[in-house]
C-alpha atoms as a PDB file:
ATOM      1  CA  MET A   1     -58.127   6.393 -57.818  1.00  0.00           C
ATOM      2  CA  GLY A   2     -57.011   5.572 -54.028  1.00  0.00           C
ATOM      3  CA  ILE A   3     -55.095   7.468 -51.219  1.00  0.00           C
ATOM      4  CA  PHE A   4     -52.143   5.493 -52.313  1.00  0.00           C
ATOM      5  CA  ASN A   5     -51.475   6.317 -55.705  1.00  0.00           C
ATOM      6  CA  ASN A   6     -48.064   7.445 -57.348  1.00  0.00           C
ATOM      7  CA  SER A   7     -48.810  10.738 -58.178  1.00  0.00           C
ATOM      8  CA  SER A   8     -49.496  11.387 -53.910  1.00  0.00           C
ATOM      9  CA  ARG A   9     -46.754   9.742 -52.887  1.00  0.00           C
ATOM     10  CA  THR A  10     -43.627  12.083 -50.954  1.00  0.00           C
ATOM     11  CA  LYS A  11     -40.433  11.659 -52.938  1.00  0.00           C
ATOM     12  CA  SER A  12     -37.433  11.499 -50.368  1.00  0.00           C
ATOM     13  CA  ARG A  13     -34.592  13.878 -50.647  1.00  0.00           C
ATOM     14  CA  ALA A  14     -31.327  13.136 -50.897  1.00  0.00           C
ATOM     15  CA  LYS A  15     -29.874  15.190 -47.948  1.00  0.00           C
ATOM     16  CA  ALA A  16     -33.247  16.659 -46.163  1.00  0.00           C
ATOM     17  CA  ALA A  17     -32.778  18.697 -43.074  1.00  0.00           C
ATOM     18  CA  THR A  18     -33.176  17.087 -39.661  1.00  0.00           C
ATOM     19  CA  LEU A  19     -35.111  18.395 -36.652  1.00  0.00           C
ATOM     20  CA  ILE A  20     -34.768  17.433 -33.048  1.00  0.00           C
ATOM     21  CA  ALA A  21     -37.893  19.542 -32.074  1.00  0.00           C
ATOM     22  CA  ARG A  22     -38.195  21.207 -28.239  1.00  0.00           C
ATOM     23  CA  GLY A  23     -39.508  18.926 -25.829  1.00  0.00           C
ATOM     24  CA  CYS A  24     -38.111  15.844 -28.043  1.00  0.00           C
ATOM     25  CA  ASN A  25     -35.085  13.628 -26.132  1.00  0.00           C
ATOM     26  CA  VAL A  26     -32.840  11.629 -27.866  1.00  0.00           C
ATOM     27  CA  ASN A  27     -30.151   9.150 -26.776  1.00  0.00           C
ATOM     28  CA  GLY A  28     -27.433   7.003 -28.592  1.00  0.00           C
ATOM     29  CA  GLN A  29     -25.802   7.478 -31.769  1.00  0.00           C
ATOM     30  CA  LEU A  30     -26.873   9.534 -34.358  1.00  0.00           C
ATOM     31  CA  LYS A  31     -25.422   9.871 -38.069  1.00  0.00           C
ATOM     32  CA  ILE A  32     -26.922  12.422 -40.458  1.00  0.00           C
ATOM     33  CA  GLU A  33     -26.791  12.555 -44.038  1.00  0.00           C
ATOM     34  CA  GLY A  34     -27.417  16.242 -44.364  1.00  0.00           C
ATOM     35  CA  ASN A  35     -27.938  19.325 -41.767  1.00  0.00           C
ATOM     36  CA  ILE A  36     -29.709  19.025 -38.128  1.00  0.00           C
ATOM     37  CA  GLN A  37     -31.249  21.300 -36.148  1.00  0.00           C
ATOM     38  CA  ILE A  38     -31.534  20.230 -32.285  1.00  0.00           C
ATOM     39  CA  ASP A  39     -34.170  22.447 -30.391  1.00  0.00           C
ATOM     40  CA  GLY A  40     -34.774  19.346 -28.056  1.00  0.00           C
ATOM     41  CA  SER A  41     -31.918  17.255 -26.088  1.00  0.00           C
ATOM     42  CA  VAL A  42     -29.579  14.900 -27.241  1.00  0.00           C
ATOM     43  CA  GLU A  43     -27.170  12.650 -25.586  1.00  0.00           C
ATOM     44  CA  GLY A  44     -24.411  10.137 -26.865  1.00  0.00           C
ATOM     45  CA  THR A  45     -22.506  11.162 -29.834  1.00  0.00           C
ATOM     46  CA  ILE A  46     -23.398  12.733 -33.046  1.00  0.00           C
ATOM     47  CA  THR A  47     -21.928  12.731 -37.117  1.00  0.00           C
ATOM     48  CA  VAL A  48     -23.037  15.312 -39.077  1.00  0.00           C
ATOM     49  CA  GLU A  49     -22.192  15.369 -43.051  1.00  0.00           C
ATOM     50  CA  GLY A  50     -22.962  18.923 -43.278  1.00  0.00           C
ATOM     51  CA  THR A  51     -24.267  21.645 -40.226  1.00  0.00           C
ATOM     52  CA  LEU A  52     -25.010  20.791 -37.202  1.00  0.00           C
ATOM     53  CA  THR A  53     -26.970  24.204 -35.379  1.00  0.00           C
ATOM     54  CA  VAL A  54     -27.611  23.608 -31.720  1.00  0.00           C
ATOM     55  CA  ALA A  55     -30.338  26.258 -31.114  1.00  0.00           C
ATOM     56  CA  LYS A  56     -31.354  28.458 -27.900  1.00  0.00           C
ATOM     57  CA  SER A  57     -33.414  25.771 -26.724  1.00  0.00           C
ATOM     58  CA  GLY A  58     -31.218  23.036 -27.716  1.00  0.00           C
ATOM     59  CA  TYR A  59     -28.549  20.787 -25.400  1.00  0.00           C
ATOM     60  CA  MET A  60     -26.184  18.418 -26.737  1.00  0.00           C
ATOM     61  CA  SER A  61     -24.143  16.642 -24.335  1.00  0.00           C
ATOM     62  CA  GLY A  62     -21.611  13.821 -25.698  1.00  0.00           C
ATOM     63  CA  ASN A  63     -19.345  13.416 -28.816  1.00  0.00           C
ATOM     64  CA  ILE A  64     -19.455  15.577 -32.119  1.00  0.00           C
ATOM     65  CA  THR A  65     -18.036  15.244 -35.814  1.00  0.00           C
ATOM     66  CA  ALA A  66     -19.201  17.869 -37.920  1.00  0.00           C
ATOM     67  CA  GLU A  67     -18.534  19.769 -41.156  1.00  0.00           C
ATOM     68  CA  THR A  68     -19.841  22.792 -39.329  1.00  0.00           C
ATOM     69  CA  LEU A  69     -21.491  23.397 -35.723  1.00  0.00           C
ATOM     70  CA  VAL A  70     -22.930  26.524 -34.737  1.00  0.00           C
ATOM     71  CA  VAL A  71     -23.998  26.658 -30.755  1.00  0.00           C
ATOM     72  CA  ASN A  72     -26.480  29.214 -29.504  1.00  0.00           C
ATOM     73  CA  GLY A  73     -27.677  26.711 -26.686  1.00  0.00           C
ATOM     74  CA  THR A  74     -25.369  24.079 -25.051  1.00  0.00           C
ATOM     75  CA  VAL A  75     -22.956  21.794 -25.905  1.00  0.00           C
ATOM     76  CA  GLU A  76     -21.123  19.487 -23.367  1.00  0.00           C
ATOM     77  CA  GLY A  77     -18.729  17.330 -24.804  1.00  0.00           C
ATOM     78  CA  ASP A  78     -15.865  17.101 -27.359  1.00  0.00           C
ATOM     79  CA  CYS A  79     -16.087  18.409 -31.044  1.00  0.00           C
ATOM     80  CA  TYR A  80     -14.087  17.108 -33.663  1.00  0.00           C
ATOM     81  CA  VAL A  81     -15.418  20.092 -36.491  1.00  0.00           C
ATOM     82  CA  ASP A  82     -14.023  21.766 -39.723  1.00  0.00           C
ATOM     83  CA  GLN A  83     -16.016  25.496 -38.170  1.00  0.00           C
ATOM     84  CA  ILE A  84     -17.447  26.388 -34.587  1.00  0.00           C
ATOM     85  CA  GLN A  85     -19.205  29.372 -34.382  1.00  0.00           C
ATOM     86  CA  ILE A  86     -20.551  30.029 -30.634  1.00  0.00           C
ATOM     87  CA  LEU A  87     -23.164  32.822 -30.665  1.00  0.00           C
ATOM     88  CA  SER A  88     -23.814  35.189 -28.162  1.00  0.00           C
ATOM     89  CA  MET A  89     -26.378  32.648 -26.432  1.00  0.00           C
ATOM     90  CA  GLY A  90     -24.339  29.578 -26.942  1.00  0.00           C
ATOM     91  CA  ARG A  91     -22.248  27.915 -24.068  1.00  0.00           C
ATOM     92  CA  VAL A  92     -19.683  25.069 -24.745  1.00  0.00           C
ATOM     93  CA  ARG A  93     -18.021  22.927 -22.456  1.00  0.00           C
ATOM     94  CA  GLY A  94     -15.013  20.412 -23.237  1.00  0.00           C
ATOM     95  CA  LYS A  95     -12.501  19.850 -25.936  1.00  0.00           C
ATOM     96  CA  ILE A  96     -12.845  21.826 -29.490  1.00  0.00           C
ATOM     97  CA  TYR A  97     -10.665  19.988 -32.108  1.00  0.00           C
ATOM     98  CA  SER A  98     -10.703  22.852 -35.125  1.00  0.00           C
ATOM     99  CA  ASN A  99      -8.925  25.560 -36.795  1.00  0.00           C
ATOM    100  CA  ASN A 100     -11.938  27.299 -37.245  1.00  0.00           C
ATOM    101  CA  LEU A 101     -12.861  29.196 -33.870  1.00  0.00           C
ATOM    102  CA  THR A 102     -15.449  31.981 -33.704  1.00  0.00           C
ATOM    103  CA  ILE A 103     -17.112  33.382 -30.303  1.00  0.00           C
ATOM    104  CA  GLU A 104     -19.678  36.330 -30.542  1.00  0.00           C
ATOM    105  CA  GLN A 105     -19.881  38.353 -27.690  1.00  0.00           C
ATOM    106  CA  GLY A 106     -21.526  36.954 -24.997  1.00  0.00           C
ATOM    107  CA  GLY A 107     -20.866  33.167 -25.949  1.00  0.00           C
ATOM    108  CA  GLN A 108     -19.061  31.206 -23.729  1.00  0.00           C
ATOM    109  CA  PHE A 109     -16.325  28.525 -24.302  1.00  0.00           C
ATOM    110  CA  PHE A 110     -14.871  26.168 -20.924  1.00  0.00           C
ATOM    111  CA  GLY A 111     -12.060  23.929 -21.759  1.00  0.00           C
ATOM    112  CA  GLU A 112      -9.248  23.479 -24.679  1.00  0.00           C
ATOM    113  CA  THR A 113      -8.839  24.097 -28.296  1.00  0.00           C
ATOM    114  CA  ILE A 114      -6.551  21.521 -30.175  1.00  0.00           C
ATOM    115  CA  GLU A 115      -6.025  22.179 -34.130  1.00  0.00           C
ATOM    116  CA  LEU A 116      -6.938  19.506 -36.162  1.00  0.00           C
ATOM    117  CA  PRO A 117      -4.016  17.955 -38.565  1.00  0.00           C
ATOM    118  CA  ASN A 118      -3.768  18.343 -42.312  1.00  0.00           C
ATOM    119  CA  ARG A 119      -6.400  15.888 -43.456  1.00  0.00           C
ATOM    120  CA  ALA A 120      -3.318  14.560 -46.100  1.00  0.00           C
ATOM    121  CA  ASN A 121      -1.858  13.579 -42.666  1.00  0.00           C
ATOM    122  CA  ASP A 122      -4.463  11.595 -41.301  1.00  0.00           C
ATOM    123  CA  GLU A 123      -3.266   8.024 -42.950  1.00  0.00           C
ATOM    124  CA  THR A 124      -0.111   8.968 -41.000  1.00  0.00           C
ATOM    125  CA  LEU A 125      -2.071   9.439 -37.809  1.00  0.00           C
ATOM    126  CA  LEU A 126      -3.782   5.964 -38.507  1.00  0.00           C
ATOM    127  CA  ALA A 127      -0.949   3.899 -39.107  1.00  0.00           C
ATOM    128  CA  GLU A 128       1.017   1.851 -36.304  1.00  0.00           C
ATOM    129  CA  PRO A 129       3.587   2.614 -34.683  1.00  0.00           C
ATOM    130  CA  PRO A 130       7.031   1.288 -35.733  1.00  0.00           C
ATOM    131  CA  PHE A 131       7.400  -2.789 -34.146  1.00  0.00           C
ATOM    132  CA  ASP A 132      10.499  -3.207 -32.505  1.00  0.00           C
ATOM    133  CA  GLU A 133      11.152  -7.293 -33.290  1.00  0.00           C
ATOM    134  CA  ASN A 134      14.001  -6.684 -30.782  1.00  0.00           C
ATOM    135  CA  ALA A 135      12.007  -5.180 -28.154  1.00  0.00           C
ATOM    136  CA  ILE A 136      10.411  -8.375 -26.980  1.00  0.00           C
ATOM    137  CA  GLU A 137      14.094 -10.330 -26.997  1.00  0.00           C
ATOM    138  CA  LYS A 138      15.282  -7.709 -24.744  1.00  0.00           C
ATOM    139  CA  LEU A 139      13.354  -7.798 -22.681  1.00  0.00           C
ATOM    140  CA  ASP A 140      13.460 -11.716 -21.985  1.00  0.00           C
ATOM    141  CA  ASP A 141      17.591 -10.895 -21.928  1.00  0.00           C
ATOM    142  CA  GLN A 142      16.496  -8.412 -18.464  1.00  0.00           C
ATOM    143  CA  SER A 143      14.466 -10.820 -16.844  1.00  0.00           C
ATOM    144  CA  ASN A 144      16.892 -13.609 -16.987  1.00  0.00           C
ATOM    145  CA  SER A 145      20.079 -11.352 -16.330  1.00  0.00           C
ATOM    146  CA  GLY A 146      19.181 -11.426 -13.211  1.00  0.00           C
ATOM    147  CA  ASP A 147      18.731  -7.477 -13.346  1.00  0.00           C
ATOM    148  CA  VAL A 148      14.642  -8.204 -12.522  1.00  0.00           C
ATOM    149  CA  LYS A 149      14.029  -9.400  -8.524  1.00  0.00           C
ATOM    150  CA  LYS A 150      11.476 -11.899  -8.775  1.00  0.00           C
ATOM    151  CA  THR A 151       9.549 -12.676  -5.568  1.00  0.00           C
ATOM    152  CA  ALA A 152       7.334 -15.890  -4.121  1.00  0.00           C
END
């Protein structure tokens, strides 16, 4: 009967909520498999597979990728989200890539909104542009034809 017996251990949860407390400053790249609330400060890149909430005392500077973003504090950077809510004390500065933006009275947004492409077209967007095999030959022909002036 020690303090480390099996019955007293805390079990992990698959998607527990994460909290960045007031007074806590985080710099770097974060990937969260659940929800997160920022009451402190985060600078960097954050990817969330759930909801990111920036509380009234929270500050986020950097790029955000999330399913849902709720802002009641300050966000500076580009946001790639399915849904964003800027609450009455919220302030966002940057580009918002989303098809669902809500701003409560008193909320502030300074930047640009851009429509997210349909997810069905994601493969098309990531594909490389077609390569013209004759392009290099055409450039070589132009440089050898005398159209291009060569300087010493």
